C-alpha atoms as a PDB file:
ATOM      1  CA  MET A   1      -1.747 -14.603   2.835  1.00  0.00           C
ATOM      2  CA  GLY A   2      -5.143 -13.646   1.579  1.00  0.00           C
ATOM      3  CA  ARG A   3      -6.627 -12.889   5.028  1.00  0.00           C
ATOM      4  CA  ALA A   4      -3.528 -10.885   6.084  1.00  0.00           C
ATOM      5  CA  ALA A   5      -3.814  -8.964   2.961  1.00  0.00           C
ATOM      6  CA  GLY A   6      -7.405  -8.137   3.717  1.00  0.00           C
ATOM      7  CA  ILE A   7      -6.606  -7.029   7.145  1.00  0.00           C
ATOM      8  CA  ALA A   8      -3.644  -4.711   6.115  1.00  0.00           C
ATOM      9  CA  PRO A   9      -5.991  -2.088   4.524  1.00  0.00           C
ATOM     10  CA  LEU A  10      -8.168  -2.288   7.739  1.00  0.00           C
ATOM     11  CA  LEU A  11      -5.239  -1.778   9.924  1.00  0.00           C
ATOM     12  CA  LEU A  12      -4.080   1.260   7.848  1.00  0.00           C
ATOM     13  CA  ALA A  13      -7.557   2.693   7.951  1.00  0.00           C
ATOM     14  CA  LEU A  14      -7.759   2.198  11.734  1.00  0.00           C
ATOM     15  CA  ALA A  15      -4.291   3.754  12.054  1.00  0.00           C
ATOM     16  CA  GLY A  16      -5.267   6.818  10.254  1.00  0.00           C
ATOM     17  CA  ALA A  17      -8.516   7.008  12.244  1.00  0.00           C
ATOM     18  CA  ALA A  18      -6.423   6.701  15.386  1.00  0.00           C
ATOM     19  CA  ALA A  19      -3.926   9.327  14.458  1.00  0.00           C
ATOM     20  CA  GLY A  20      -6.718  11.641  13.675  1.00  0.00           C
ATOM     21  CA  ALA A  21      -8.779  11.191  16.773  1.00  0.00           C
ATOM     22  CA  ALA A  22      -5.946  10.188  19.251  1.00  0.00           C
ATOM     23  CA  GLY A  23      -6.744  12.535  22.005  1.00  0.00           C
ATOM     24  CA  ALA A  24     -10.569  12.574  21.364  1.00  0.00           C
ATOM     25  CA  ASP A  25     -11.301   8.859  21.303  1.00  0.00           C
ATOM     26  CA  LEU A  26      -8.513   7.096  23.050  1.00  0.00           C
ATOM     27  CA  GLY A  27     -10.893   5.758  25.742  1.00  0.00           C
ATOM     28  CA  GLY A  28     -13.141   4.413  22.862  1.00  0.00           C
ATOM     29  CA  PHE A  29     -10.183   2.466  21.265  1.00  0.00           C
ATOM     30  CA  GLU A  30      -9.394   1.003  24.663  1.00  0.00           C
ATOM     31  CA  ALA A  31     -12.933   0.062  25.283  1.00  0.00           C
ATOM     32  CA  ARG A  32     -13.481  -1.594  21.967  1.00  0.00           C
ATOM     33  CA  TRP A  33     -10.227  -3.542  22.473  1.00  0.00           C
ATOM     34  CA  HIS A  34     -11.291  -4.672  25.946  1.00  0.00           C
ATOM     35  CA  ASP A  35     -14.845  -5.724  24.678  1.00  0.00           C
ATOM     36  CA  CYS A  36     -13.308  -7.660  22.028  1.00  0.00           C
ATOM     37  CA  VAL A  37     -10.931  -9.488  24.362  1.00  0.00           C
ATOM     38  CA  ARG A  38     -13.788 -10.288  26.858  1.00  0.00           C
ATOM     39  CA  GLN A  39     -16.086 -11.640  24.045  1.00  0.00           C
ATOM     40  CA  ALA A  40     -13.404 -13.581  22.383  1.00  0.00           C
ATOM     41  CA  PHE A  41     -12.350 -15.118  25.816  1.00  0.00           C
ATOM     42  CA  SER A  42     -15.862 -15.951  26.774  1.00  0.00           C
ATOM     43  CA  GLY A  43     -16.321 -17.690  23.400  1.00  0.00           C
ATOM     44  CA  GLN A  44     -13.469 -20.084  23.904  1.00  0.00           C
ATOM     45  CA  PRO A  45     -14.209 -23.781  24.546  1.00  0.00           C
ATOM     46  CA  LEU A  46     -14.863 -24.624  28.246  1.00  0.00           C
ATOM     47  CA  GLY A  47     -12.318 -27.497  28.176  1.00  0.00           C
ATOM     48  CA  MET A  48      -9.480 -25.250  26.863  1.00  0.00           C
ATOM     49  CA  GLU A  49      -6.512 -24.435  29.086  1.00  0.00           C
ATOM     50  CA  ARG A  50      -6.967 -20.835  30.615  1.00  0.00           C
ATOM     51  CA  ARG A  51      -3.625 -19.653  29.195  1.00  0.00           C
ATOM     52  CA  ALA A  52      -4.382 -20.999  25.728  1.00  0.00           C
ATOM     53  CA  ALA A  53      -7.756 -19.365  25.899  1.00  0.00           C
ATOM     54  CA  GLN A  54      -6.241 -16.069  26.845  1.00  0.00           C
ATOM     55  CA  ARG A  55      -3.765 -16.203  23.990  1.00  0.00           C
ATOM     56  CA  ALA A  56      -6.466 -17.179  21.520  1.00  0.00           C
ATOM     57  CA  ALA A  57      -8.553 -14.185  22.567  1.00  0.00           C
ATOM     58  CA  LEU A  58      -5.643 -11.792  22.458  1.00  0.00           C
ATOM     59  CA  ALA A  59      -4.849 -13.058  18.865  1.00  0.00           C
ATOM     60  CA  ALA A  60      -8.379 -12.734  17.750  1.00  0.00           C
ATOM     61  CA  CYS A  61      -8.447  -9.020  18.903  1.00  0.00           C
ATOM     62  CA  LYS A  62      -4.989  -8.049  17.369  1.00  0.00           C
ATOM     63  CA  PRO A  63      -6.361  -5.295  15.060  1.00  0.00           C
ATOM     64  CA  GLN A  64      -8.230  -3.612  17.953  1.00  0.00           C
ATOM     65  CA  GLU A  65      -5.212  -3.724  20.088  1.00  0.00           C
ATOM     66  CA  ASP A  66      -2.982  -2.382  17.172  1.00  0.00           C
ATOM     67  CA  ALA A  67      -5.453   0.496  16.677  1.00  0.00           C
ATOM     68  CA  TYR A  68      -5.470   1.288  20.362  1.00  0.00           C
ATOM     69  CA  VAL A  69      -1.707   1.196  20.695  1.00  0.00           C
ATOM     70  CA  HIS A  70      -1.425   3.373  17.588  1.00  0.00           C
ATOM     71  CA  ALA A  71      -3.815   5.849  18.899  1.00  0.00           C
ATOM     72  CA  MET A  72      -2.032   5.953  22.288  1.00  0.00           C
ATOM     73  CA  LEU A  73       1.303   6.515  20.571  1.00  0.00           C
ATOM     74  CA  ALA A  74      -0.212   9.172  18.326  1.00  0.00           C
ATOM     75  CA  ALA A  75      -1.710  10.945  21.505  1.00  0.00           C
ATOM     76  CA  GLN A  76       1.608  10.651  23.289  1.00  0.00           C
ATOM     77  CA  GLU A  77       3.432  12.242  20.197  1.00  0.00           C
ATOM     78  CA  ALA A  78       0.972  15.005  20.015  1.00  0.00           C
ATOM     79  CA  GLU A  79       1.488  15.767  23.557  1.00  0.00           C
ATOM     80  CA  ALA A  80       5.244  15.768  23.133  1.00  0.00           C
ATOM     81  CA  ARG A  81       4.811  18.208  20.138  1.00  0.00           C
ATOM     82  CA  ALA A  82       2.516  20.492  22.059  1.00  0.00           C
ATOM     83  CA  ARG A  83       5.059  20.604  24.998  1.00  0.00           C
ATOM     84  CA  ALA A  84       7.759  21.477  22.564  1.00  0.00           C
ATOM     85  CA  THR A  85       5.695  24.106  21.025  1.00  0.00           C
ATOM     86  CA  ARG A  86       4.846  25.480  24.396  1.00  0.00           C
ATOM     87  CA  GLY A  87       8.593  25.493  25.096  1.00  0.00           C
ATOM     88  CA  VAL A  88       9.329  27.508  22.023  1.00  0.00           C
ATOM     89  CA  ALA A  89       6.552  30.109  22.759  1.00  0.00           C
ATOM     90  CA  ALA A  90       7.809  30.433  26.272  1.00  0.00           C
ATOM     91  CA  ARG A  91      11.460  31.024  25.076  1.00  0.00           C
ATOM     92  CA  ALA A  92      10.205  33.747  22.668  1.00  0.00           C
ATOM     93  CA  ARG A  93       8.052  35.372  25.360  1.00  0.00           C
ATOM     94  CA  ASP A  94      10.945  35.446  27.653  1.00  0.00           C
ATOM     95  CA  TRP A  95      13.268  36.852  25.026  1.00  0.00           C
ATOM     96  CA  ALA A  96      10.584  39.547  24.176  1.00  0.00           C
ATOM     97  CA  PHE A  97      10.153  40.532  27.772  1.00  0.00           C
ATOM     98  CA  ALA A  98      14.061  40.644  28.351  1.00  0.00           C
ATOM     99  CA  ALA A  99      14.418  42.752  25.139  1.00  0.00           C
ATOM    100  CA  ALA A 100      11.754  45.083  26.170  1.00  0.00           C
ATOM    101  CA  GLY A 101      13.194  45.327  29.692  1.00  0.00           C
ATOM    102  CA  SER A 102      16.648  46.088  28.217  1.00  0.00           C
ATOM    103  CA  ALA A 103      15.260  48.742  25.842  1.00  0.00           C
ATOM    104  CA  ARG A 104      13.333  50.262  28.760  1.00  0.00           C
ATOM    105  CA  ALA A 105      16.696  50.450  30.829  1.00  0.00           C
ATOM    106  CA  THR A 106      18.573  51.840  28.046  1.00  0.00           C
ATOM    107  CA  LEU A 107      15.867  54.504  27.339  1.00  0.00           C
ATOM    108  CA  GLY A 108      15.583  55.264  31.169  1.00  0.00           C
ATOM    109  CA  GLY A 109      19.533  55.674  31.186  1.00  0.00           C
ATOM    110  CA  VAL A 110      19.380  58.135  28.331  1.00  0.00           C
ATOM    111  CA  LEU A 111      16.590  60.130  29.767  1.00  0.00           C
ATOM    112  CA  ASP A 112      18.361  60.328  33.103  1.00  0.00           C
ATOM    113  CA  ARG A 113      21.490  61.633  31.361  1.00  0.00           C
ATOM    114  CA  LEU A 114      19.510  64.285  29.441  1.00  0.00           C
ATOM    115  CA  ARG A 115      17.864  65.500  32.694  1.00  0.00           C
ATOM    116  CA  TRP A 116      21.362  66.498  34.102  1.00  0.00           C
END
């Protein structure tokens, strides 16, 4: 439990960093995770079964994987938020253009009647 308790603040710090730099450093998180897995896999004993070595390497790099996944999810959430914001802005722009067009048509109708 002591080791897990020591890792929890690290994960929270990595998660906070991931959320802040989700779009900017997503490739960096992925590269660090892949490097860790490669290094951990190459450090496994030669006689170890391949699948067991793969599982051990993935388990050894769980904090990096968690940080990468968190950064990826944060980037996807930011993109979804940006799309929603663009949608709201587009609807507001369309409404403003429609209102301006309607006002122009009304004013044009009034001016046409005044000319007669």
